[in-house]
Amino acid sequence: MDPYARQRLLAAVGDRGQERIAARTYVVQSSTAPAAEVERAYLGRAGAVYFAPKAHEPVAFVHCNAFKHAAARGFAEGAWQALVQLRSALQQG
């Protein structure tokens, strides 16, 4: 059973997009430990396999002021960072 079968049905992903997601190396960029855990979990569930250590400053989470509580902010930052990377992987070639 293919765990990514539903993703493959999406026009934005398909078989080729799923291959791109799996082939790319991801850098967990979130600034806090809880956000990094969420980011890694989202990427892993999308099919990411390769992770590299953080080599540079994280991309700023521009929506942080929309969240009053730190826990919600951390979760949202991790999800946002993962989605930014997945979007970039799908837009390749």
PDB file of N, CA and C in Angstrom:
ATOM      1  N   MET A   1       0.847  -1.187   0.000  1.00  0.00           N
ATOM      2  CA  MET A   1       0.000   0.000   0.000  1.00  0.00           C
ATOM      3  C   MET A   1       0.885   1.240   0.000  1.00  0.00           C
ATOM      4  N   ASP A   2       0.592   2.161  -0.878  1.00  0.00           N
ATOM      5  CA  ASP A   2       1.362   3.393  -1.022  1.00  0.00           C
ATOM      6  C   ASP A   2       0.865   4.438  -0.017  1.00  0.00           C
ATOM      7  N   PRO A   3       1.708   4.862   0.942  1.00  0.00           N
ATOM      8  CA  PRO A   3       1.261   5.850   1.926  1.00  0.00           C
ATOM      9  C   PRO A   3       1.033   7.237   1.323  1.00  0.00           C
ATOM     10  N   TYR A   4       1.487   7.445   0.103  1.00  0.00           N
ATOM     11  CA  TYR A   4       1.352   8.758  -0.535  1.00  0.00           C
ATOM     12  C   TYR A   4       0.352   8.734  -1.688  1.00  0.00           C
ATOM     13  N   ALA A   5      -0.484   7.719  -1.747  1.00  0.00           N
ATOM     14  CA  ALA A   5      -1.434   7.564  -2.852  1.00  0.00           C
ATOM     15  C   ALA A   5      -2.355   8.769  -2.997  1.00  0.00           C
ATOM     16  N   ARG A   6      -2.832   9.315  -1.885  1.00  0.00           N
ATOM     17  CA  ARG A   6      -3.739  10.470  -1.974  1.00  0.00           C
ATOM     18  C   ARG A   6      -3.002  11.711  -2.464  1.00  0.00           C
ATOM     19  N   GLN A   7      -1.747  11.880  -2.051  1.00  0.00           N
ATOM     20  CA  GLN A   7      -0.961  13.017  -2.533  1.00  0.00           C
ATOM     21  C   GLN A   7      -0.734  12.915  -4.031  1.00  0.00           C
ATOM     22  N   ARG A   8      -0.493  11.704  -4.499  1.00  0.00           N
ATOM     23  CA  ARG A   8      -0.239  11.491  -5.923  1.00  0.00           C
ATOM     24  C   ARG A   8      -1.451  11.859  -6.778  1.00  0.00           C
ATOM     25  N   LEU A   9      -2.642  11.829  -6.193  1.00  0.00           N
ATOM     26  CA  LEU A   9      -3.847  12.195  -6.928  1.00  0.00           C
ATOM     27  C   LEU A   9      -3.960  13.703  -7.151  1.00  0.00           C
ATOM     28  N   LEU A  10      -3.260  14.476  -6.365  1.00  0.00           N
ATOM     29  CA  LEU A  10      -3.311  15.935  -6.504  1.00  0.00           C
ATOM     30  C   LEU A  10      -2.562  16.367  -7.761  1.00  0.00           C
ATOM     31  N   ALA A  11      -3.183  17.244  -8.535  1.00  0.00           N
ATOM     32  CA  ALA A  11      -2.557  17.714  -9.775  1.00  0.00           C
ATOM     33  C   ALA A  11      -1.213  18.387  -9.506  1.00  0.00           C
ATOM     34  N   ALA A  12      -1.084  19.049  -8.368  1.00  0.00           N
ATOM     35  CA  ALA A  12       0.160  19.754  -8.036  1.00  0.00           C
ATOM     36  C   ALA A  12       1.278  18.805  -7.628  1.00  0.00           C
ATOM     37  N   VAL A  13       0.956  17.559  -7.328  1.00  0.00           N
ATOM     38  CA  VAL A  13       1.965  16.601  -6.880  1.00  0.00           C
ATOM     39  C   VAL A  13       2.173  15.526  -7.935  1.00  0.00           C
ATOM     40  N   GLY A  14       1.232  14.628  -8.080  1.00  0.00           N
ATOM     41  CA  GLY A  14       1.377  13.539  -9.039  1.00  0.00           C
ATOM     42  C   GLY A  14       2.579  12.655  -8.720  1.00  0.00           C
ATOM     43  N   ASP A  15       2.879  11.730  -9.613  1.00  0.00           N
ATOM     44  CA  ASP A  15       4.012  10.827  -9.409  1.00  0.00           C
ATOM     45  C   ASP A  15       5.335  11.579  -9.443  1.00  0.00           C
ATOM     46  N   ARG A  16       5.455  12.496 -10.394  1.00  0.00           N
ATOM     47  CA  ARG A  16       6.709  13.251 -10.545  1.00  0.00           C
ATOM     48  C   ARG A  16       6.984  14.131  -9.325  1.00  0.00           C
ATOM     49  N   GLY A  17       5.969  14.805  -8.827  1.00  0.00           N
ATOM     50  CA  GLY A  17       6.130  15.638  -7.643  1.00  0.00           C
ATOM     51  C   GLY A  17       6.501  14.832  -6.414  1.00  0.00           C
ATOM     52  N   GLN A  18       5.898  13.657  -6.268  1.00  0.00           N
ATOM     53  CA  GLN A  18       6.221  12.803  -5.132  1.00  0.00           C
ATOM     54  C   GLN A  18       7.670  12.334  -5.211  1.00  0.00           C
ATOM     55  N   GLU A  19       8.137  12.067  -6.417  1.00  0.00           N
ATOM     56  CA  GLU A  19       9.546  11.700  -6.600  1.00  0.00           C
ATOM     57  C   GLU A  19      10.463  12.854  -6.216  1.00  0.00           C
ATOM     58  N   ARG A  20      10.077  14.077  -6.574  1.00  0.00           N
ATOM     59  CA  ARG A  20      10.875  15.261  -6.207  1.00  0.00           C
ATOM     60  C   ARG A  20      10.932  15.444  -4.701  1.00  0.00           C
ATOM     61  N   ILE A  21       9.793  15.258  -4.047  1.00  0.00           N
ATOM     62  CA  ILE A  21       9.738  15.395  -2.586  1.00  0.00           C
ATOM     63  C   ILE A  21      10.686  14.397  -1.935  1.00  0.00           C
ATOM     64  N   ALA A  22      10.674  13.160  -2.403  1.00  0.00           N
ATOM     65  CA  ALA A  22      11.505  12.111  -1.803  1.00  0.00           C
ATOM     66  C   ALA A  22      12.985  12.295  -2.112  1.00  0.00           C
ATOM     67  N   ALA A  23      13.310  12.868  -3.254  1.00  0.00           N
ATOM     68  CA  ALA A  23      14.705  12.969  -3.681  1.00  0.00           C
ATOM     69  C   ALA A  23      15.453  14.151  -3.071  1.00  0.00           C
ATOM     70  N   ARG A  24      14.748  15.147  -2.634  1.00  0.00           N
ATOM     71  CA  ARG A  24      15.375  16.373  -2.150  1.00  0.00           C
ATOM     72  C   ARG A  24      15.904  16.217  -0.724  1.00  0.00           C
ATOM     73  N   THR A  25      16.967  16.951  -0.409  1.00  0.00           N
ATOM     74  CA  THR A  25      17.481  17.022   0.957  1.00  0.00           C
ATOM     75  C   THR A  25      16.906  18.271   1.608  1.00  0.00           C
ATOM     76  N   TYR A  26      16.346  18.116   2.791  1.00  0.00           N
ATOM     77  CA  TYR A  26      15.685  19.219   3.488  1.00  0.00           C
ATOM     78  C   TYR A  26      16.506  19.660   4.692  1.00  0.00           C
ATOM     79  N   VAL A  27      16.478  20.951   4.947  1.00  0.00           N
ATOM     80  CA  VAL A  27      17.119  21.525   6.120  1.00  0.00           C
ATOM     81  C   VAL A  27      16.007  22.022   7.032  1.00  0.00           C
ATOM     82  N   VAL A  28      15.923  21.475   8.232  1.00  0.00           N
ATOM     83  CA  VAL A  28      14.909  21.924   9.184  1.00  0.00           C
ATOM     84  C   VAL A  28      15.306  23.319   9.639  1.00  0.00           C
ATOM     85  N   GLN A  29      14.472  24.311   9.301  1.00  0.00           N
ATOM     86  CA  GLN A  29      14.849  25.701   9.469  1.00  0.00           C
ATOM     87  C   GLN A  29      14.159  26.413  10.614  1.00  0.00           C
ATOM     88  N   SER A  30      13.247  25.771  11.298  1.00  0.00           N
ATOM     89  CA  SER A  30      12.504  26.435  12.364  1.00  0.00           C
ATOM     90  C   SER A  30      13.432  26.873  13.491  1.00  0.00           C
ATOM     91  N   SER A  31      13.045  27.950  14.164  1.00  0.00           N
ATOM     92  CA  SER A  31      13.914  28.570  15.156  1.00  0.00           C
ATOM     93  C   SER A  31      13.808  27.966  16.554  1.00  0.00           C
ATOM     94  N   THR A  32      12.746  27.233  16.849  1.00  0.00           N
ATOM     95  CA  THR A  32      12.589  26.639  18.178  1.00  0.00           C
ATOM     96  C   THR A  32      12.444  25.121  18.050  1.00  0.00           C
ATOM     97  N   ALA A  33      12.715  24.417  19.151  1.00  0.00           N
ATOM     98  CA  ALA A  33      12.634  22.957  19.131  1.00  0.00           C
ATOM     99  C   ALA A  33      11.227  22.455  18.787  1.00  0.00           C
ATOM    100  N   PRO A  34      10.161  23.000  19.404  1.00  0.00           N
ATOM    101  CA  PRO A  34       8.826  22.507  19.044  1.00  0.00           C
ATOM    102  C   PRO A  34       8.500  22.746  17.567  1.00  0.00           C
ATOM    103  N   ALA A  35       8.870  23.900  17.055  1.00  0.00           N
ATOM    104  CA  ALA A  35       8.608  24.199  15.650  1.00  0.00           C
ATOM    105  C   ALA A  35       9.405  23.271  14.747  1.00  0.00           C
ATOM    106  N   ALA A  36      10.649  22.975  15.121  1.00  0.00           N
ATOM    107  CA  ALA A  36      11.488  22.072  14.329  1.00  0.00           C
ATOM    108  C   ALA A  36      10.894  20.663  14.307  1.00  0.00           C
ATOM    109  N   GLU A  37      10.332  20.213  15.427  1.00  0.00           N
ATOM    110  CA  GLU A  37       9.696  18.896  15.478  1.00  0.00           C
ATOM    111  C   GLU A  37       8.497  18.831  14.536  1.00  0.00           C
ATOM    112  N   VAL A  38       7.689  19.875  14.544  1.00  0.00           N
ATOM    113  CA  VAL A  38       6.519  19.921  13.661  1.00  0.00           C
ATOM    114  C   VAL A  38       6.975  19.951  12.206  1.00  0.00           C
ATOM    115  N   GLU A  39       7.984  20.761  11.917  1.00  0.00           N
ATOM    116  CA  GLU A  39       8.486  20.856  10.547  1.00  0.00           C
ATOM    117  C   GLU A  39       8.985  19.499  10.059  1.00  0.00           C
ATOM    118  N   ARG A  40       9.791  18.833  10.869  1.00  0.00           N
ATOM    119  CA  ARG A  40      10.329  17.517  10.488  1.00  0.00           C
ATOM    120  C   ARG A  40       9.191  16.502  10.306  1.00  0.00           C
ATOM    121  N   ALA A  41       8.183  16.548  11.172  1.00  0.00           N
ATOM    122  CA  ALA A  41       7.050  15.622  11.065  1.00  0.00           C
ATOM    123  C   ALA A  41       6.263  15.864   9.775  1.00  0.00           C
ATOM    124  N   TYR A  42       5.989  17.127   9.458  1.00  0.00           N
ATOM    125  CA  TYR A  42       5.255  17.447   8.226  1.00  0.00           C
ATOM    126  C   TYR A  42       6.034  16.983   7.008  1.00  0.00           C
ATOM    127  N   LEU A  43       7.327  17.267   6.989  1.00  0.00           N
ATOM    128  CA  LEU A  43       8.152  16.866   5.847  1.00  0.00           C
ATOM    129  C   LEU A  43       8.185  15.345   5.718  1.00  0.00           C
ATOM    130  N   GLY A  44       8.354  14.653   6.834  1.00  0.00           N
ATOM    131  CA  GLY A  44       8.390  13.197   6.814  1.00  0.00           C
ATOM    132  C   GLY A  44       7.086  12.587   6.338  1.00  0.00           C
ATOM    133  N   ARG A  45       5.982  13.142   6.778  1.00  0.00           N
ATOM    134  CA  ARG A  45       4.684  12.612   6.359  1.00  0.00           C
ATOM    135  C   ARG A  45       4.398  12.884   4.889  1.00  0.00           C
ATOM    136  N   ALA A  46       5.039  13.917   4.343  1.00  0.00           N
ATOM    137  CA  ALA A  46       4.877  14.221   2.921  1.00  0.00           C
ATOM    138  C   ALA A  46       5.755  13.329   2.054  1.00  0.00           C
ATOM    139  N   GLY A  47       6.730  12.646   2.674  1.00  0.00           N
ATOM    140  CA  GLY A  47       7.589  11.745   1.916  1.00  0.00           C
ATOM    141  C   GLY A  47       9.050  12.122   1.918  1.00  0.00           C
ATOM    142  N   ALA A  48       9.419  13.179   2.655  1.00  0.00           N
ATOM    143  CA  ALA A  48      10.824  13.579   2.736  1.00  0.00           C
ATOM    144  C   ALA A  48      11.631  12.498   3.441  1.00  0.00           C
ATOM    145  N   VAL A  49      12.813  12.217   2.909  1.00  0.00           N
ATOM    146  CA  VAL A  49      13.653  11.157   3.446  1.00  0.00           C
ATOM    147  C   VAL A  49      14.975  11.705   3.965  1.00  0.00           C
ATOM    148  N   TYR A  50      15.534  12.678   3.271  1.00  0.00           N
ATOM    149  CA  TYR A  50      16.877  13.174   3.575  1.00  0.00           C
ATOM    150  C   TYR A  50      16.816  14.512   4.294  1.00  0.00           C
ATOM    151  N   PHE A  51      17.509  14.575   5.441  1.00  0.00           N
ATOM    152  CA  PHE A  51      17.583  15.811   6.209  1.00  0.00           C
ATOM    153  C   PHE A  51      19.036  16.170   6.428  1.00  0.00           C
ATOM    154  N   ALA A  52      19.360  17.438   6.275  1.00  0.00           N
ATOM    155  CA  ALA A  52      20.718  17.933   6.496  1.00  0.00           C
ATOM    156  C   ALA A  52      20.710  18.838   7.719  1.00  0.00           C
ATOM    157  N   PRO A  53      21.864  18.987   8.388  1.00  0.00           N
ATOM    158  CA  PRO A  53      21.921  19.907   9.528  1.00  0.00           C
ATOM    159  C   PRO A  53      21.734  21.350   9.066  1.00  0.00           C
ATOM    160  N   LYS A  54      21.213  22.161   9.975  1.00  0.00           N
ATOM    161  CA  LYS A  54      20.990  23.577   9.671  1.00  0.00           C
ATOM    162  C   LYS A  54      22.330  24.251   9.420  1.00  0.00           C
ATOM    163  N   ALA A  55      22.462  24.912   8.279  1.00  0.00           N
ATOM    164  CA  ALA A  55      23.723  25.534   7.899  1.00  0.00           C
ATOM    165  C   ALA A  55      23.639  27.058   7.864  1.00  0.00           C
ATOM    166  N   HIS A  56      22.443  27.590   8.025  1.00  0.00           N
ATOM    167  CA  HIS A  56      22.286  29.045   7.938  1.00  0.00           C
ATOM    168  C   HIS A  56      21.104  29.486   8.789  1.00  0.00           C
ATOM    169  N   GLU A  57      20.896  30.764   8.840  1.00  0.00           N
ATOM    170  CA  GLU A  57      19.796  31.322   9.628  1.00  0.00           C
ATOM    171  C   GLU A  57      18.457  30.894   9.035  1.00  0.00           C
ATOM    172  N   PRO A  58      17.470  30.630   9.880  1.00  0.00           N
ATOM    173  CA  PRO A  58      16.166  30.230   9.363  1.00  0.00           C
ATOM    174  C   PRO A  58      15.480  31.375   8.623  1.00  0.00           C
ATOM    175  N   VAL A  59      14.601  31.002   7.716  1.00  0.00           N
ATOM    176  CA  VAL A  59      13.771  31.985   7.041  1.00  0.00           C
ATOM    177  C   VAL A  59      12.781  32.504   8.077  1.00  0.00           C
ATOM    178  N   ALA A  60      12.635  33.813   8.164  1.00  0.00           N
ATOM    179  CA  ALA A  60      11.764  34.400   9.183  1.00  0.00           C
ATOM    180  C   ALA A  60      10.315  33.973   8.973  1.00  0.00           C
ATOM    181  N   PHE A  61       9.664  33.620  10.060  1.00  0.00           N
ATOM    182  CA  PHE A  61       8.247  33.269  10.034  1.00  0.00           C
ATOM    183  C   PHE A  61       7.460  34.566  10.132  1.00  0.00           C
ATOM    184  N   VAL A  62       6.994  35.037   9.000  1.00  0.00           N
ATOM    185  CA  VAL A  62       6.394  36.370   8.929  1.00  0.00           C
ATOM    186  C   VAL A  62       5.035  36.487   9.587  1.00  0.00           C
ATOM    187  N   HIS A  63       4.408  35.377   9.903  1.00  0.00           N
ATOM    188  CA  HIS A  63       3.068  35.409  10.479  1.00  0.00           C
ATOM    189  C   HIS A  63       3.064  35.247  11.994  1.00  0.00           C
ATOM    190  N   CYS A  64       4.209  35.355  12.645  1.00  0.00           N
ATOM    191  CA  CYS A  64       4.303  35.055  14.077  1.00  0.00           C
ATOM    192  C   CYS A  64       3.409  35.941  14.932  1.00  0.00           C
ATOM    193  N   ASN A  65       3.161  37.164  14.531  1.00  0.00           N
ATOM    194  CA  ASN A  65       2.338  38.065  15.333  1.00  0.00           C
ATOM    195  C   ASN A  65       0.863  37.688  15.324  1.00  0.00           C
ATOM    196  N   ALA A  66       0.477  36.785  14.452  1.00  0.00           N
ATOM    197  CA  ALA A  66      -0.919  36.360  14.383  1.00  0.00           C
ATOM    198  C   ALA A  66      -1.266  35.354  15.482  1.00  0.00           C
ATOM    199  N   PHE A  67      -0.253  34.855  16.205  1.00  0.00           N
ATOM    200  CA  PHE A  67      -0.476  33.826  17.218  1.00  0.00           C
ATOM    201  C   PHE A  67      -0.141  34.352  18.600  1.00  0.00           C
ATOM    202  N   LYS A  68      -1.126  34.312  19.492  1.00  0.00           N
ATOM    203  CA  LYS A  68      -0.959  34.837  20.847  1.00  0.00           C
ATOM    204  C   LYS A  68      -0.121  33.911  21.718  1.00  0.00           C
ATOM    205  N   HIS A  69      -0.332  32.614  21.602  1.00  0.00           N
ATOM    206  CA  HIS A  69       0.333  31.644  22.466  1.00  0.00           C
ATOM    207  C   HIS A  69       1.559  31.049  21.785  1.00  0.00           C
ATOM    208  N   ALA A  70       2.619  30.873  22.561  1.00  0.00           N
ATOM    209  CA  ALA A  70       3.892  30.375  22.025  1.00  0.00           C
ATOM    210  C   ALA A  70       3.746  28.982  21.420  1.00  0.00           C
ATOM    211  N   ALA A  71       2.953  28.121  22.041  1.00  0.00           N
ATOM    212  CA  ALA A  71       2.786  26.764  21.515  1.00  0.00           C
ATOM    213  C   ALA A  71       2.147  26.789  20.124  1.00  0.00           C
ATOM    214  N   ALA A  72       1.121  27.599  19.968  1.00  0.00           N
ATOM    215  CA  ALA A  72       0.460  27.714  18.662  1.00  0.00           C
ATOM    216  C   ALA A  72       1.411  28.335  17.642  1.00  0.00           C
ATOM    217  N   ARG A  73       2.172  29.313  18.072  1.00  0.00           N
ATOM    218  CA  ARG A  73       3.137  29.970  17.189  1.00  0.00           C
ATOM    219  C   ARG A  73       4.204  28.972  16.726  1.00  0.00           C
ATOM    220  N   GLY A  74       4.691  28.138  17.651  1.00  0.00           N
ATOM    221  CA  GLY A  74       5.690  27.130  17.307  1.00  0.00           C
ATOM    222  C   GLY A  74       5.157  26.107  16.329  1.00  0.00           C
ATOM    223  N   PHE A  75       3.925  25.660  16.551  1.00  0.00           N
ATOM    224  CA  PHE A  75       3.314  24.692  15.645  1.00  0.00           C
ATOM    225  C   PHE A  75       3.146  25.314  14.262  1.00  0.00           C
ATOM    226  N   ALA A  76       2.625  26.531  14.221  1.00  0.00           N
ATOM    227  CA  ALA A  76       2.396  27.196  12.937  1.00  0.00           C
ATOM    228  C   ALA A  76       3.706  27.461  12.205  1.00  0.00           C
ATOM    229  N   GLU A  77       4.745  27.846  12.939  1.00  0.00           N
ATOM    230  CA  GLU A  77       6.037  28.100  12.294  1.00  0.00           C
ATOM    231  C   GLU A  77       6.578  26.824  11.666  1.00  0.00           C
ATOM    232  N   GLY A  78       6.522  25.717  12.381  1.00  0.00           N
ATOM    233  CA  GLY A  78       7.012  24.453  11.845  1.00  0.00           C
ATOM    234  C   GLY A  78       6.250  24.018  10.605  1.00  0.00           C
ATOM    235  N   ALA A  79       4.929  24.142  10.658  1.00  0.00           N
ATOM    236  CA  ALA A  79       4.107  23.777   9.503  1.00  0.00           C
ATOM    237  C   ALA A  79       4.421  24.680   8.320  1.00  0.00           C
ATOM    238  N   TRP A  80       4.550  25.975   8.562  1.00  0.00           N
ATOM    239  CA  TRP A  80       4.830  26.930   7.492  1.00  0.00           C
ATOM    240  C   TRP A  80       6.188  26.654   6.855  1.00  0.00           C
ATOM    241  N   GLN A  81       7.211  26.418   7.677  1.00  0.00           N
ATOM    242  CA  GLN A  81       8.550  26.135   7.139  1.00  0.00           C
ATOM    243  C   GLN A  81       8.527  24.876   6.276  1.00  0.00           C
ATOM    244  N   ALA A  82       7.813  23.852   6.720  1.00  0.00           N
ATOM    245  CA  ALA A  82       7.707  22.608   5.942  1.00  0.00           C
ATOM    246  C   ALA A  82       7.009  22.868   4.610  1.00  0.00           C
ATOM    247  N   LEU A  83       5.918  23.613   4.638  1.00  0.00           N
ATOM    248  CA  LEU A  83       5.183  23.889   3.411  1.00  0.00           C
ATOM    249  C   LEU A  83       5.998  24.727   2.430  1.00  0.00           C
ATOM    250  N   VAL A  84       6.793  25.652   2.924  1.00  0.00           N
ATOM    251  CA  VAL A  84       7.663  26.447   2.049  1.00  0.00           C
ATOM    252  C   VAL A  84       8.635  25.528   1.311  1.00  0.00           C
ATOM    253  N   GLN A  85       9.235  24.590   2.024  1.00  0.00           N
ATOM    254  CA  GLN A  85      10.187  23.680   1.402  1.00  0.00           C
ATOM    255  C   GLN A  85       9.516  22.712   0.431  1.00  0.00           C
ATOM    256  N   LEU A  86       8.344  22.195   0.793  1.00  0.00           N
ATOM    257  CA  LEU A  86       7.640  21.289  -0.095  1.00  0.00           C
ATOM    258  C   LEU A  86       7.198  21.993  -1.371  1.00  0.00           C
ATOM    259  N   ARG A  87       6.745  23.207  -1.228  1.00  0.00           N
ATOM    260  CA  ARG A  87       6.338  23.995  -2.400  1.00  0.00           C
ATOM    261  C   ARG A  87       7.529  24.193  -3.325  1.00  0.00           C
ATOM    262  N   SER A  88       8.665  24.497  -2.753  1.00  0.00           N
ATOM    263  CA  SER A  88       9.871  24.680  -3.550  1.00  0.00           C
ATOM    264  C   SER A  88      10.257  23.385  -4.268  1.00  0.00           C
ATOM    265  N   ALA A  89      10.127  22.253  -3.591  1.00  0.00           N
ATOM    266  CA  ALA A  89      10.458  20.959  -4.208  1.00  0.00           C
ATOM    267  C   ALA A  89       9.528  20.665  -5.380  1.00  0.00           C
ATOM    268  N   LEU A  90       8.259  21.002  -5.247  1.00  0.00           N
ATOM    269  CA  LEU A  90       7.293  20.731  -6.312  1.00  0.00           C
ATOM    270  C   LEU A  90       7.456  21.672  -7.502  1.00  0.00           C
ATOM    271  N   GLN A  91       8.018  22.832  -7.292  1.00  0.00           N
ATOM    272  CA  GLN A  91       8.184  23.801  -8.380  1.00  0.00           C
ATOM    273  C   GLN A  91       9.473  23.598  -9.157  1.00  0.00           C
ATOM    274  N   GLN A  92      10.317  22.662  -8.746  1.00  0.00           N
ATOM    275  CA  GLN A  92      11.540  22.369  -9.466  1.00  0.00           C
ATOM    276  C   GLN A  92      11.221  21.781 -10.827  1.00  0.00           C
ATOM    277  N   GLY A  93      12.111  22.089 -11.784  1.00  0.00           N
ATOM    278  CA  GLY A  93      12.103  21.508 -13.135  1.00  0.00           C
ATOM    279  C   GLY A  93      10.827  20.973 -13.562  1.00  0.00           C
TER     280      GLY A  93
END
